[in-house]
Amino acid sequence: MQVYGVSRKIWTSKGEEQEEAKKEFIKSLKKLEEALGDEAYFGGDTFGFVDVALIPFYCWFYTYETFGNLKIEAECPKIISWAKRCKQRESVSKSLGDEKQLYQSVLAYKNTFGLD
């Protein structure tokens, strides 16, 4: 599963390529939801390595939704619930980047390199 590669295409591509990237991204998130199951974290009741590795992607969701015109929560509610639960942890909330600032940075990058 390549969450990064396919998710990057959501904001760097258009048309059919972007539509395919969106489908693959949601498919990847659904696989993560399957692994999560009904647990609070990927390690069950314990916040662990997999959670630490994946939670930084959450601050990218606003960018993916905005450029890709999609609603991740509608497709993958368990992932959003998991992310919100992770954000309640002080260590996570203090370390994640601001989603709107990240979007502005990506927008500036796209403009600088002509990726519009």
N, C-alpha and C. Protein backbone atom coordinates (compact mmCIF):
# COMPACT_ATOMS: atom_id res chain seq x y z
N MET A 1 0.85 -1.17 0.00
CA MET A 1 0.00 0.00 0.00
C MET A 1 0.90 1.24 0.00
N GLN A 2 0.63 2.12 -0.93
CA GLN A 2 1.45 3.31 -1.05
C GLN A 2 0.60 4.55 -0.88
N VAL A 3 0.34 4.90 0.35
CA VAL A 3 -0.50 6.05 0.65
C VAL A 3 0.13 7.33 0.11
N TYR A 4 1.42 7.51 0.33
CA TYR A 4 2.06 8.76 -0.07
C TYR A 4 2.02 8.96 -1.59
N GLY A 5 2.47 7.98 -2.34
CA GLY A 5 2.55 8.12 -3.79
C GLY A 5 1.22 8.45 -4.43
N VAL A 6 0.20 7.74 -4.05
CA VAL A 6 -1.11 7.96 -4.64
C VAL A 6 -1.75 9.25 -4.13
N SER A 7 -1.53 9.57 -2.87
CA SER A 7 -2.13 10.80 -2.33
C SER A 7 -1.48 12.04 -2.94
N ARG A 8 -0.21 11.97 -3.25
CA ARG A 8 0.48 13.10 -3.87
C ARG A 8 -0.13 13.42 -5.24
N LYS A 9 -0.57 12.40 -5.93
CA LYS A 9 -1.16 12.61 -7.26
C LYS A 9 -2.49 13.37 -7.17
N ILE A 10 -3.12 13.36 -6.01
CA ILE A 10 -4.38 14.08 -5.87
C ILE A 10 -4.16 15.57 -6.09
N TRP A 11 -3.03 16.10 -5.62
CA TRP A 11 -2.79 17.53 -5.78
C TRP A 11 -1.82 17.87 -6.91
N THR A 12 -1.25 16.86 -7.57
CA THR A 12 -0.32 17.14 -8.67
C THR A 12 -0.87 16.76 -10.03
N SER A 13 -2.07 16.20 -10.07
CA SER A 13 -2.61 15.76 -11.36
C SER A 13 -4.01 16.31 -11.57
N LYS A 14 -4.53 16.05 -12.75
CA LYS A 14 -5.88 16.49 -13.11
C LYS A 14 -6.58 15.38 -13.88
N GLY A 15 -7.85 15.58 -14.10
CA GLY A 15 -8.62 14.69 -14.96
C GLY A 15 -8.62 13.25 -14.52
N GLU A 16 -8.47 12.35 -15.49
CA GLU A 16 -8.53 10.91 -15.21
C GLU A 16 -7.47 10.46 -14.22
N GLU A 17 -6.27 11.01 -14.36
CA GLU A 17 -5.18 10.62 -13.46
C GLU A 17 -5.54 10.97 -12.01
N GLN A 18 -6.11 12.15 -11.80
CA GLN A 18 -6.51 12.54 -10.46
C GLN A 18 -7.66 11.66 -9.96
N GLU A 19 -8.61 11.37 -10.81
CA GLU A 19 -9.74 10.53 -10.41
C GLU A 19 -9.25 9.14 -9.98
N GLU A 20 -8.31 8.60 -10.72
CA GLU A 20 -7.74 7.29 -10.37
C GLU A 20 -6.98 7.38 -9.05
N ALA A 21 -6.25 8.47 -8.86
CA ALA A 21 -5.51 8.66 -7.61
C ALA A 21 -6.47 8.73 -6.42
N LYS A 22 -7.57 9.43 -6.58
CA LYS A 22 -8.56 9.54 -5.50
C LYS A 22 -9.11 8.16 -5.15
N LYS A 23 -9.43 7.37 -6.16
CA LYS A 23 -9.95 6.02 -5.92
C LYS A 23 -8.92 5.16 -5.18
N GLU A 24 -7.68 5.23 -5.62
CA GLU A 24 -6.62 4.44 -5.00
C GLU A 24 -6.35 4.90 -3.57
N PHE A 25 -6.41 6.21 -3.35
CA PHE A 25 -6.21 6.76 -2.01
C PHE A 25 -7.29 6.26 -1.06
N ILE A 26 -8.53 6.35 -1.47
CA ILE A 26 -9.64 5.88 -0.64
C ILE A 26 -9.52 4.38 -0.41
N LYS A 27 -9.13 3.65 -1.44
CA LYS A 27 -8.93 2.21 -1.30
C LYS A 27 -7.85 1.92 -0.24
N SER A 28 -6.77 2.68 -0.25
CA SER A 28 -5.71 2.52 0.75
C SER A 28 -6.22 2.83 2.15
N LEU A 29 -7.00 3.90 2.27
CA LEU A 29 -7.56 4.24 3.59
C LEU A 29 -8.52 3.18 4.07
N LYS A 30 -9.29 2.59 3.17
CA LYS A 30 -10.21 1.52 3.56
C LYS A 30 -9.45 0.29 4.07
N LYS A 31 -8.29 0.01 3.47
CA LYS A 31 -7.45 -1.09 3.96
C LYS A 31 -6.96 -0.78 5.37
N LEU A 32 -6.62 0.48 5.60
CA LEU A 32 -6.21 0.87 6.95
C LEU A 32 -7.36 0.74 7.93
N GLU A 33 -8.56 1.10 7.48
CA GLU A 33 -9.74 0.94 8.34
C GLU A 33 -9.96 -0.53 8.70
N GLU A 34 -9.74 -1.41 7.74
CA GLU A 34 -9.87 -2.85 8.01
C GLU A 34 -8.88 -3.28 9.07
N ALA A 35 -7.64 -2.80 8.96
CA ALA A 35 -6.61 -3.15 9.94
C ALA A 35 -6.95 -2.58 11.31
N LEU A 36 -7.52 -1.40 11.34
CA LEU A 36 -7.91 -0.76 12.60
C LEU A 36 -9.06 -1.50 13.25
N GLY A 37 -10.00 -1.96 12.42
CA GLY A 37 -11.17 -2.65 12.95
C GLY A 37 -11.97 -1.75 13.87
N ASP A 38 -12.36 -2.27 15.00
CA ASP A 38 -13.13 -1.49 15.98
C ASP A 38 -12.27 -1.03 17.15
N GLU A 39 -10.97 -1.11 16.96
CA GLU A 39 -10.04 -0.72 18.02
C GLU A 39 -9.87 0.80 18.07
N ALA A 40 -9.41 1.29 19.20
CA ALA A 40 -9.15 2.72 19.35
C ALA A 40 -7.92 3.14 18.55
N TYR A 41 -6.90 2.28 18.56
CA TYR A 41 -5.64 2.54 17.87
C TYR A 41 -5.24 1.28 17.11
N PHE A 42 -4.24 1.40 16.28
CA PHE A 42 -3.80 0.24 15.51
C PHE A 42 -3.19 -0.84 16.41
N GLY A 43 -2.79 -0.46 17.61
CA GLY A 43 -2.29 -1.42 18.58
C GLY A 43 -3.33 -1.82 19.60
N GLY A 44 -4.60 -1.63 19.27
CA GLY A 44 -5.68 -1.94 20.21
C GLY A 44 -5.99 -0.73 21.07
N ASP A 45 -5.85 -0.89 22.38
CA ASP A 45 -6.09 0.22 23.30
C ASP A 45 -4.84 1.09 23.49
N THR A 46 -3.74 0.67 22.89
CA THR A 46 -2.46 1.35 23.09
C THR A 46 -2.05 2.13 21.86
N PHE A 47 -1.77 3.40 22.04
CA PHE A 47 -1.23 4.26 20.99
C PHE A 47 0.19 3.79 20.74
N GLY A 48 0.48 3.39 19.49
CA GLY A 48 1.79 2.80 19.24
C GLY A 48 2.46 3.27 17.96
N PHE A 49 3.43 2.48 17.54
CA PHE A 49 4.28 2.81 16.41
C PHE A 49 3.50 3.09 15.13
N VAL A 50 2.53 2.26 14.81
CA VAL A 50 1.76 2.45 13.57
C VAL A 50 0.98 3.76 13.64
N ASP A 51 0.42 4.07 14.77
CA ASP A 51 -0.30 5.33 14.94
C ASP A 51 0.64 6.52 14.75
N VAL A 52 1.82 6.44 15.35
CA VAL A 52 2.81 7.50 15.23
C VAL A 52 3.23 7.68 13.77
N ALA A 53 3.38 6.57 13.06
CA ALA A 53 3.81 6.63 11.66
C ALA A 53 2.74 7.20 10.75
N LEU A 54 1.47 6.96 11.05
CA LEU A 54 0.39 7.36 10.15
C LEU A 54 -0.24 8.71 10.45
N ILE A 55 -0.23 9.13 11.69
CA ILE A 55 -0.96 10.35 12.05
C ILE A 55 -0.48 11.60 11.32
N PRO A 56 0.78 11.73 10.92
CA PRO A 56 1.17 12.94 10.17
C PRO A 56 0.41 13.12 8.85
N PHE A 57 -0.08 12.04 8.26
CA PHE A 57 -0.85 12.16 7.03
C PHE A 57 -2.17 12.89 7.24
N TYR A 58 -2.67 12.88 8.47
CA TYR A 58 -3.96 13.52 8.74
C TYR A 58 -3.94 15.01 8.43
N CYS A 59 -2.83 15.68 8.69
CA CYS A 59 -2.80 17.12 8.41
C CYS A 59 -2.80 17.41 6.91
N TRP A 60 -2.60 16.40 6.10
CA TRP A 60 -2.69 16.54 4.64
C TRP A 60 -4.12 16.38 4.13
N PHE A 61 -5.02 15.85 4.92
CA PHE A 61 -6.36 15.54 4.44
C PHE A 61 -7.09 16.76 3.89
N TYR A 62 -6.94 17.91 4.53
CA TYR A 62 -7.59 19.13 4.03
C TYR A 62 -7.11 19.45 2.62
N THR A 63 -5.82 19.30 2.39
CA THR A 63 -5.25 19.56 1.06
C THR A 63 -5.82 18.57 0.04
N TYR A 64 -5.85 17.30 0.39
CA TYR A 64 -6.39 16.29 -0.52
C TYR A 64 -7.86 16.56 -0.83
N GLU A 65 -8.61 16.89 0.20
CA GLU A 65 -10.04 17.16 0.00
C GLU A 65 -10.25 18.39 -0.87
N THR A 66 -9.46 19.43 -0.65
CA THR A 66 -9.64 20.67 -1.39
C THR A 66 -9.25 20.51 -2.86
N PHE A 67 -8.07 19.98 -3.12
CA PHE A 67 -7.63 19.81 -4.51
C PHE A 67 -8.39 18.69 -5.22
N GLY A 68 -8.76 17.65 -4.47
CA GLY A 68 -9.42 16.50 -5.08
C GLY A 68 -10.92 16.54 -5.06
N ASN A 69 -11.48 17.56 -4.42
CA ASN A 69 -12.93 17.66 -4.31
C ASN A 69 -13.53 16.35 -3.79
N LEU A 70 -13.06 15.95 -2.62
CA LEU A 70 -13.58 14.73 -2.00
C LEU A 70 -13.76 14.94 -0.52
N LYS A 71 -14.51 14.08 0.10
CA LYS A 71 -14.77 14.13 1.54
C LYS A 71 -14.33 12.80 2.14
N ILE A 72 -13.18 12.82 2.77
CA ILE A 72 -12.60 11.60 3.31
C ILE A 72 -13.49 11.00 4.40
N GLU A 73 -14.07 11.84 5.24
CA GLU A 73 -14.90 11.32 6.33
C GLU A 73 -16.11 10.54 5.80
N ALA A 74 -16.66 10.97 4.68
CA ALA A 74 -17.81 10.26 4.10
C ALA A 74 -17.41 8.87 3.62
N GLU A 75 -16.18 8.75 3.14
CA GLU A 75 -15.69 7.48 2.61
C GLU A 75 -15.06 6.59 3.69
N CYS A 76 -14.40 7.21 4.64
CA CYS A 76 -13.60 6.47 5.64
C CYS A 76 -13.79 7.06 7.04
N PRO A 77 -14.97 6.93 7.60
CA PRO A 77 -15.24 7.55 8.90
C PRO A 77 -14.38 7.01 10.05
N LYS A 78 -13.98 5.73 9.98
CA LYS A 78 -13.17 5.16 11.06
C LYS A 78 -11.79 5.82 11.11
N ILE A 79 -11.23 6.13 9.95
CA ILE A 79 -9.92 6.78 9.91
C ILE A 79 -10.01 8.17 10.51
N ILE A 80 -11.08 8.88 10.19
CA ILE A 80 -11.24 10.23 10.75
C ILE A 80 -11.45 10.16 12.26
N SER A 81 -12.25 9.21 12.73
CA SER A 81 -12.44 9.04 14.17
C SER A 81 -11.13 8.70 14.86
N TRP A 82 -10.35 7.80 14.25
CA TRP A 82 -9.04 7.45 14.79
C TRP A 82 -8.14 8.69 14.87
N ALA A 83 -8.10 9.48 13.81
CA ALA A 83 -7.25 10.67 13.78
C ALA A 83 -7.67 11.67 14.85
N LYS A 84 -8.95 11.87 15.01
CA LYS A 84 -9.43 12.79 16.04
C LYS A 84 -9.06 12.29 17.43
N ARG A 85 -9.14 10.98 17.62
CA ARG A 85 -8.75 10.38 18.91
C ARG A 85 -7.25 10.60 19.14
N CYS A 86 -6.46 10.41 18.10
CA CYS A 86 -5.01 10.64 18.22
C CYS A 86 -4.72 12.10 18.55
N LYS A 87 -5.45 13.01 17.92
CA LYS A 87 -5.22 14.45 18.15
C LYS A 87 -5.55 14.88 19.57
N GLN A 88 -6.32 14.08 20.29
CA GLN A 88 -6.63 14.40 21.68
C GLN A 88 -5.41 14.18 22.58
N ARG A 89 -4.45 13.46 22.07
CA ARG A 89 -3.20 13.24 22.82
C ARG A 89 -2.34 14.49 22.70
N GLU A 90 -1.85 14.97 23.80
CA GLU A 90 -1.07 16.20 23.79
C GLU A 90 0.16 16.09 22.88
N SER A 91 0.81 14.94 22.91
CA SER A 91 2.01 14.76 22.09
C SER A 91 1.70 14.89 20.60
N VAL A 92 0.53 14.47 20.20
CA VAL A 92 0.12 14.57 18.79
C VAL A 92 -0.34 15.99 18.47
N SER A 93 -1.20 16.53 19.29
CA SER A 93 -1.75 17.86 18.99
C SER A 93 -0.66 18.92 18.93
N LYS A 94 0.39 18.77 19.72
CA LYS A 94 1.47 19.75 19.72
C LYS A 94 2.46 19.55 18.57
N SER A 95 2.42 18.39 17.94
CA SER A 95 3.43 18.12 16.92
C SER A 95 2.91 18.14 15.49
N LEU A 96 1.61 18.03 15.29
CA LEU A 96 1.08 18.04 13.93
C LEU A 96 1.09 19.44 13.35
N GLY A 97 1.34 19.50 12.05
CA GLY A 97 1.30 20.79 11.36
C GLY A 97 -0.13 21.28 11.18
N ASP A 98 -0.26 22.56 10.94
CA ASP A 98 -1.57 23.16 10.70
C ASP A 98 -2.02 22.83 9.27
N GLU A 99 -3.19 22.26 9.13
CA GLU A 99 -3.67 21.79 7.83
C GLU A 99 -3.87 22.92 6.82
N LYS A 100 -4.28 24.07 7.27
CA LYS A 100 -4.51 25.19 6.34
C LYS A 100 -3.18 25.82 5.90
N GLN A 101 -2.22 25.87 6.80
CA GLN A 101 -0.89 26.35 6.42
C GLN A 101 -0.24 25.39 5.42
N LEU A 102 -0.43 24.11 5.65
CA LEU A 102 0.09 23.11 4.72
C LEU A 102 -0.55 23.28 3.34
N TYR A 103 -1.85 23.49 3.31
CA TYR A 103 -2.54 23.72 2.04
C TYR A 103 -1.96 24.95 1.33
N GLN A 104 -1.76 26.03 2.07
CA GLN A 104 -1.19 27.24 1.48
C GLN A 104 0.21 26.99 0.93
N SER A 105 0.99 26.19 1.62
CA SER A 105 2.33 25.84 1.15
C SER A 105 2.27 25.02 -0.14
N VAL A 106 1.36 24.08 -0.20
CA VAL A 106 1.20 23.27 -1.40
C VAL A 106 0.72 24.15 -2.56
N LEU A 107 -0.20 25.05 -2.29
CA LEU A 107 -0.69 25.97 -3.31
C LEU A 107 0.46 26.82 -3.85
N ALA A 108 1.28 27.34 -2.97
CA ALA A 108 2.43 28.14 -3.40
C ALA A 108 3.41 27.29 -4.22
N TYR A 109 3.62 26.06 -3.80
CA TYR A 109 4.50 25.14 -4.54
C TYR A 109 3.96 24.90 -5.95
N LYS A 110 2.68 24.63 -6.02
CA LYS A 110 2.05 24.40 -7.33
C LYS A 110 2.20 25.62 -8.23
N ASN A 111 1.98 26.80 -7.67
CA ASN A 111 2.10 28.03 -8.45
C ASN A 111 3.54 28.27 -8.90
N THR A 112 4.49 28.04 -8.02
CA THR A 112 5.90 28.24 -8.34
C THR A 112 6.36 27.32 -9.46
N PHE A 113 5.91 26.08 -9.44
CA PHE A 113 6.38 25.10 -10.40
C PHE A 113 5.38 24.84 -11.54
N GLY A 114 4.38 25.70 -11.64
CA GLY A 114 3.43 25.59 -12.74
C GLY A 114 2.62 24.32 -12.76
N LEU A 115 2.20 23.86 -11.61
CA LEU A 115 1.42 22.64 -11.53
C LEU A 115 -0.08 22.90 -11.50
N ASP A 116 -0.49 24.05 -11.97
CA ASP A 116 -1.92 24.38 -11.96
C ASP A 116 -2.69 23.62 -13.00
